Amino acid sequence: MEDLVRHLVEPIVDEPDAVSIQTIERESVIILELVVDPDDKEELEGDKGRTLRAIRNILSAAAGRRKATLDLVDEHGDADEE
């Protein structure tokens, strides 16, 4: 899952080396916490969140029976308000 998110996000952002993903796997859920350069957040959140929502939809489809969530967090691990 992490590779899929990285594959989708890195071409969109200006600083692909700053992309960091932490995966938390539980029995029925996969939580991915995505950190990008602060200047790149707008690329993912822009257009009324459509880009981030599209990435979440692809991730959800790839997860199959498990529930997958993608949270855009800041460098300190705090989730951003949507």
N, C-alpha and C. Protein backbone atom coordinates (compact mmCIF):
# COMPACT_ATOMS: atom_id res chain seq x y z
N MET A 1 0.81 -1.18 0.00
CA MET A 1 0.00 0.00 0.00
C MET A 1 0.87 1.26 0.00
N GLU A 2 1.92 1.22 0.78
CA GLU A 2 2.81 2.37 0.87
C GLU A 2 3.42 2.69 -0.50
N ASP A 3 3.82 1.66 -1.24
CA ASP A 3 4.39 1.87 -2.57
C ASP A 3 3.37 2.49 -3.52
N LEU A 4 2.13 2.06 -3.42
CA LEU A 4 1.07 2.61 -4.26
C LEU A 4 0.87 4.10 -3.99
N VAL A 5 0.79 4.47 -2.73
CA VAL A 5 0.60 5.87 -2.38
C VAL A 5 1.80 6.70 -2.84
N ARG A 6 2.99 6.17 -2.61
CA ARG A 6 4.21 6.87 -3.04
C ARG A 6 4.19 7.06 -4.56
N HIS A 7 3.78 6.02 -5.30
CA HIS A 7 3.71 6.07 -6.76
C HIS A 7 2.72 7.14 -7.23
N LEU A 8 1.65 7.32 -6.51
CA LEU A 8 0.63 8.30 -6.88
C LEU A 8 0.98 9.72 -6.46
N VAL A 9 1.65 9.88 -5.33
CA VAL A 9 1.91 11.20 -4.77
C VAL A 9 3.17 11.85 -5.33
N GLU A 10 4.26 11.11 -5.45
CA GLU A 10 5.54 11.71 -5.84
C GLU A 10 5.50 12.48 -7.16
N PRO A 11 4.80 12.00 -8.20
CA PRO A 11 4.77 12.80 -9.44
C PRO A 11 3.98 14.11 -9.31
N ILE A 12 3.13 14.22 -8.32
CA ILE A 12 2.28 15.40 -8.15
C ILE A 12 3.03 16.53 -7.44
N VAL A 13 3.85 16.18 -6.46
CA VAL A 13 4.48 17.19 -5.61
C VAL A 13 5.78 17.70 -6.23
N ASP A 14 6.21 18.89 -5.78
CA ASP A 14 7.46 19.48 -6.26
C ASP A 14 8.68 18.92 -5.55
N GLU A 15 8.49 18.43 -4.33
CA GLU A 15 9.58 17.88 -3.52
C GLU A 15 9.33 16.40 -3.22
N PRO A 16 9.51 15.50 -4.20
CA PRO A 16 9.21 14.09 -3.96
C PRO A 16 10.10 13.44 -2.90
N ASP A 17 11.30 14.00 -2.68
CA ASP A 17 12.18 13.44 -1.65
C ASP A 17 11.66 13.70 -0.25
N ALA A 18 10.75 14.65 -0.10
CA ALA A 18 10.21 14.98 1.21
C ALA A 18 8.99 14.13 1.57
N VAL A 19 8.55 13.28 0.65
CA VAL A 19 7.38 12.44 0.91
C VAL A 19 7.77 11.34 1.90
N SER A 20 6.98 11.24 2.95
CA SER A 20 7.20 10.23 3.98
C SER A 20 5.86 9.58 4.30
N ILE A 21 5.87 8.25 4.42
CA ILE A 21 4.63 7.54 4.70
C ILE A 21 4.88 6.57 5.85
N GLN A 22 4.01 6.64 6.84
CA GLN A 22 4.05 5.69 7.95
C GLN A 22 2.81 4.83 7.86
N THR A 23 2.99 3.52 7.93
CA THR A 23 1.88 2.58 7.81
C THR A 23 1.59 1.95 9.17
N ILE A 24 0.33 1.96 9.53
CA ILE A 24 -0.13 1.30 10.76
C ILE A 24 -1.13 0.24 10.32
N GLU A 25 -0.78 -1.02 10.50
CA GLU A 25 -1.66 -2.11 10.07
C GLU A 25 -2.30 -2.77 11.27
N ARG A 26 -3.59 -2.93 11.16
CA ARG A 26 -4.35 -3.66 12.17
C ARG A 26 -5.08 -4.78 11.45
N GLU A 27 -5.83 -5.57 12.17
CA GLU A 27 -6.48 -6.74 11.60
C GLU A 27 -7.36 -6.40 10.40
N SER A 28 -8.19 -5.39 10.53
CA SER A 28 -9.13 -5.09 9.45
C SER A 28 -8.95 -3.70 8.85
N VAL A 29 -7.90 -2.99 9.25
CA VAL A 29 -7.71 -1.64 8.74
C VAL A 29 -6.22 -1.36 8.52
N ILE A 30 -5.96 -0.57 7.50
CA ILE A 30 -4.62 -0.07 7.22
C ILE A 30 -4.70 1.45 7.25
N ILE A 31 -3.87 2.06 8.09
CA ILE A 31 -3.84 3.51 8.19
C ILE A 31 -2.50 3.98 7.66
N LEU A 32 -2.54 4.86 6.69
CA LEU A 32 -1.31 5.43 6.14
C LEU A 32 -1.29 6.91 6.48
N GLU A 33 -0.18 7.35 7.08
CA GLU A 33 -0.01 8.76 7.42
C GLU A 33 1.00 9.34 6.45
N LEU A 34 0.57 10.31 5.67
CA LEU A 34 1.37 10.91 4.62
C LEU A 34 1.89 12.27 5.05
N VAL A 35 3.20 12.46 4.92
CA VAL A 35 3.84 13.74 5.21
C VAL A 35 4.48 14.23 3.92
N VAL A 36 4.17 15.45 3.54
CA VAL A 36 4.79 16.07 2.37
C VAL A 36 5.34 17.43 2.78
N ASP A 37 6.16 18.00 1.92
CA ASP A 37 6.69 19.33 2.15
C ASP A 37 5.51 20.29 2.32
N PRO A 38 5.59 21.23 3.27
CA PRO A 38 4.46 22.15 3.50
C PRO A 38 4.01 22.88 2.23
N ASP A 39 4.93 23.19 1.35
CA ASP A 39 4.55 23.87 0.10
C ASP A 39 3.79 22.96 -0.84
N ASP A 40 3.92 21.65 -0.68
CA ASP A 40 3.25 20.69 -1.56
C ASP A 40 1.86 20.30 -1.07
N LYS A 41 1.52 20.67 0.14
CA LYS A 41 0.19 20.31 0.67
C LYS A 41 -0.93 20.85 -0.21
N GLU A 42 -0.74 22.05 -0.74
CA GLU A 42 -1.77 22.64 -1.58
C GLU A 42 -1.99 21.83 -2.85
N GLU A 43 -0.94 21.21 -3.37
CA GLU A 43 -1.09 20.36 -4.56
C GLU A 43 -2.04 19.20 -4.28
N LEU A 44 -1.98 18.67 -3.07
CA LEU A 44 -2.83 17.53 -2.72
C LEU A 44 -4.20 17.96 -2.21
N GLU A 45 -4.26 19.08 -1.51
CA GLU A 45 -5.52 19.54 -0.94
C GLU A 45 -6.28 20.47 -1.86
N GLY A 46 -5.61 20.99 -2.88
CA GLY A 46 -6.21 21.96 -3.78
C GLY A 46 -7.38 21.38 -4.56
N ASP A 47 -8.03 22.22 -5.32
CA ASP A 47 -9.18 21.83 -6.13
C ASP A 47 -10.25 21.16 -5.27
N LYS A 48 -10.50 21.76 -4.11
CA LYS A 48 -11.52 21.29 -3.16
C LYS A 48 -11.27 19.86 -2.68
N GLY A 49 -10.01 19.47 -2.61
CA GLY A 49 -9.65 18.16 -2.08
C GLY A 49 -9.83 17.00 -3.05
N ARG A 50 -10.06 17.30 -4.30
CA ARG A 50 -10.32 16.24 -5.28
C ARG A 50 -9.13 15.31 -5.47
N THR A 51 -7.93 15.87 -5.49
CA THR A 51 -6.74 15.04 -5.70
C THR A 51 -6.56 14.05 -4.56
N LEU A 52 -6.62 14.55 -3.35
CA LEU A 52 -6.46 13.68 -2.18
C LEU A 52 -7.59 12.66 -2.10
N ARG A 53 -8.79 13.07 -2.43
CA ARG A 53 -9.94 12.16 -2.43
C ARG A 53 -9.76 11.07 -3.48
N ALA A 54 -9.22 11.40 -4.64
CA ALA A 54 -8.99 10.41 -5.70
C ALA A 54 -7.94 9.39 -5.25
N ILE A 55 -6.89 9.86 -4.60
CA ILE A 55 -5.86 8.94 -4.09
C ILE A 55 -6.46 8.02 -3.04
N ARG A 56 -7.30 8.55 -2.18
CA ARG A 56 -7.97 7.74 -1.16
C ARG A 56 -8.87 6.69 -1.80
N ASN A 57 -9.56 7.04 -2.87
CA ASN A 57 -10.45 6.08 -3.55
C ASN A 57 -9.65 4.94 -4.17
N ILE A 58 -8.53 5.26 -4.79
CA ILE A 58 -7.68 4.22 -5.38
C ILE A 58 -7.14 3.31 -4.28
N LEU A 59 -6.69 3.90 -3.20
CA LEU A 59 -6.17 3.13 -2.07
C LEU A 59 -7.24 2.21 -1.50
N SER A 60 -8.45 2.71 -1.36
CA SER A 60 -9.55 1.92 -0.84
C SER A 60 -9.87 0.74 -1.76
N ALA A 61 -9.84 0.98 -3.05
CA ALA A 61 -10.10 -0.11 -4.01
C ALA A 61 -9.00 -1.16 -3.95
N ALA A 62 -7.77 -0.74 -3.77
CA ALA A 62 -6.65 -1.67 -3.72
C ALA A 62 -6.61 -2.48 -2.43
N ALA A 63 -7.23 -1.97 -1.38
CA ALA A 63 -7.18 -2.63 -0.07
C ALA A 63 -8.08 -3.86 -0.01
N GLY A 64 -9.01 -3.99 -0.93
CA GLY A 64 -9.90 -5.15 -0.92
C GLY A 64 -10.83 -5.13 0.27
N ARG A 65 -10.85 -6.22 1.01
CA ARG A 65 -11.78 -6.33 2.16
C ARG A 65 -11.37 -5.48 3.34
N ARG A 66 -10.10 -5.15 3.43
CA ARG A 66 -9.65 -4.32 4.54
C ARG A 66 -10.01 -2.86 4.27
N LYS A 67 -10.18 -2.12 5.31
CA LYS A 67 -10.45 -0.69 5.17
C LYS A 67 -9.10 0.03 5.17
N ALA A 68 -8.92 0.91 4.21
CA ALA A 68 -7.68 1.68 4.13
C ALA A 68 -8.00 3.16 4.25
N THR A 69 -7.23 3.85 5.09
CA THR A 69 -7.40 5.29 5.22
C THR A 69 -6.06 5.97 4.98
N LEU A 70 -6.12 7.15 4.43
CA LEU A 70 -4.93 7.96 4.17
C LEU A 70 -5.13 9.30 4.85
N ASP A 71 -4.24 9.62 5.78
CA ASP A 71 -4.31 10.89 6.49
C ASP A 71 -3.11 11.74 6.10
N LEU A 72 -3.35 12.97 5.71
CA LEU A 72 -2.29 13.93 5.43
C LEU A 72 -1.95 14.60 6.75
N VAL A 73 -0.74 14.37 7.24
CA VAL A 73 -0.33 14.90 8.54
C VAL A 73 0.84 15.84 8.37
N ASP A 74 1.07 16.67 9.38
CA ASP A 74 2.23 17.55 9.33
C ASP A 74 3.46 16.78 9.82
N GLU A 75 4.60 17.43 9.84
CA GLU A 75 5.85 16.78 10.22
C GLU A 75 5.81 16.17 11.62
N HIS A 76 4.94 16.69 12.47
CA HIS A 76 4.88 16.23 13.85
C HIS A 76 3.85 15.12 14.04
N GLY A 77 3.20 14.69 12.96
CA GLY A 77 2.23 13.62 13.05
C GLY A 77 0.82 14.06 13.37
N ASP A 78 0.58 15.37 13.38
CA ASP A 78 -0.76 15.89 13.66
C ASP A 78 -1.56 15.93 12.36
N ALA A 79 -2.76 15.37 12.38
CA ALA A 79 -3.61 15.38 11.20
C ALA A 79 -4.09 16.78 10.92
N ASP A 80 -4.12 17.12 9.63
CA ASP A 80 -4.64 18.41 9.21
C ASP A 80 -6.14 18.38 9.20
N GLU A 81 -6.74 19.51 9.48
CA GLU A 81 -8.19 19.63 9.39
C GLU A 81 -8.60 19.71 7.92
N GLU A 82 -9.65 19.02 7.54
CA GLU A 82 -10.11 19.06 6.15
C GLU A 82 -11.28 19.97 6.01
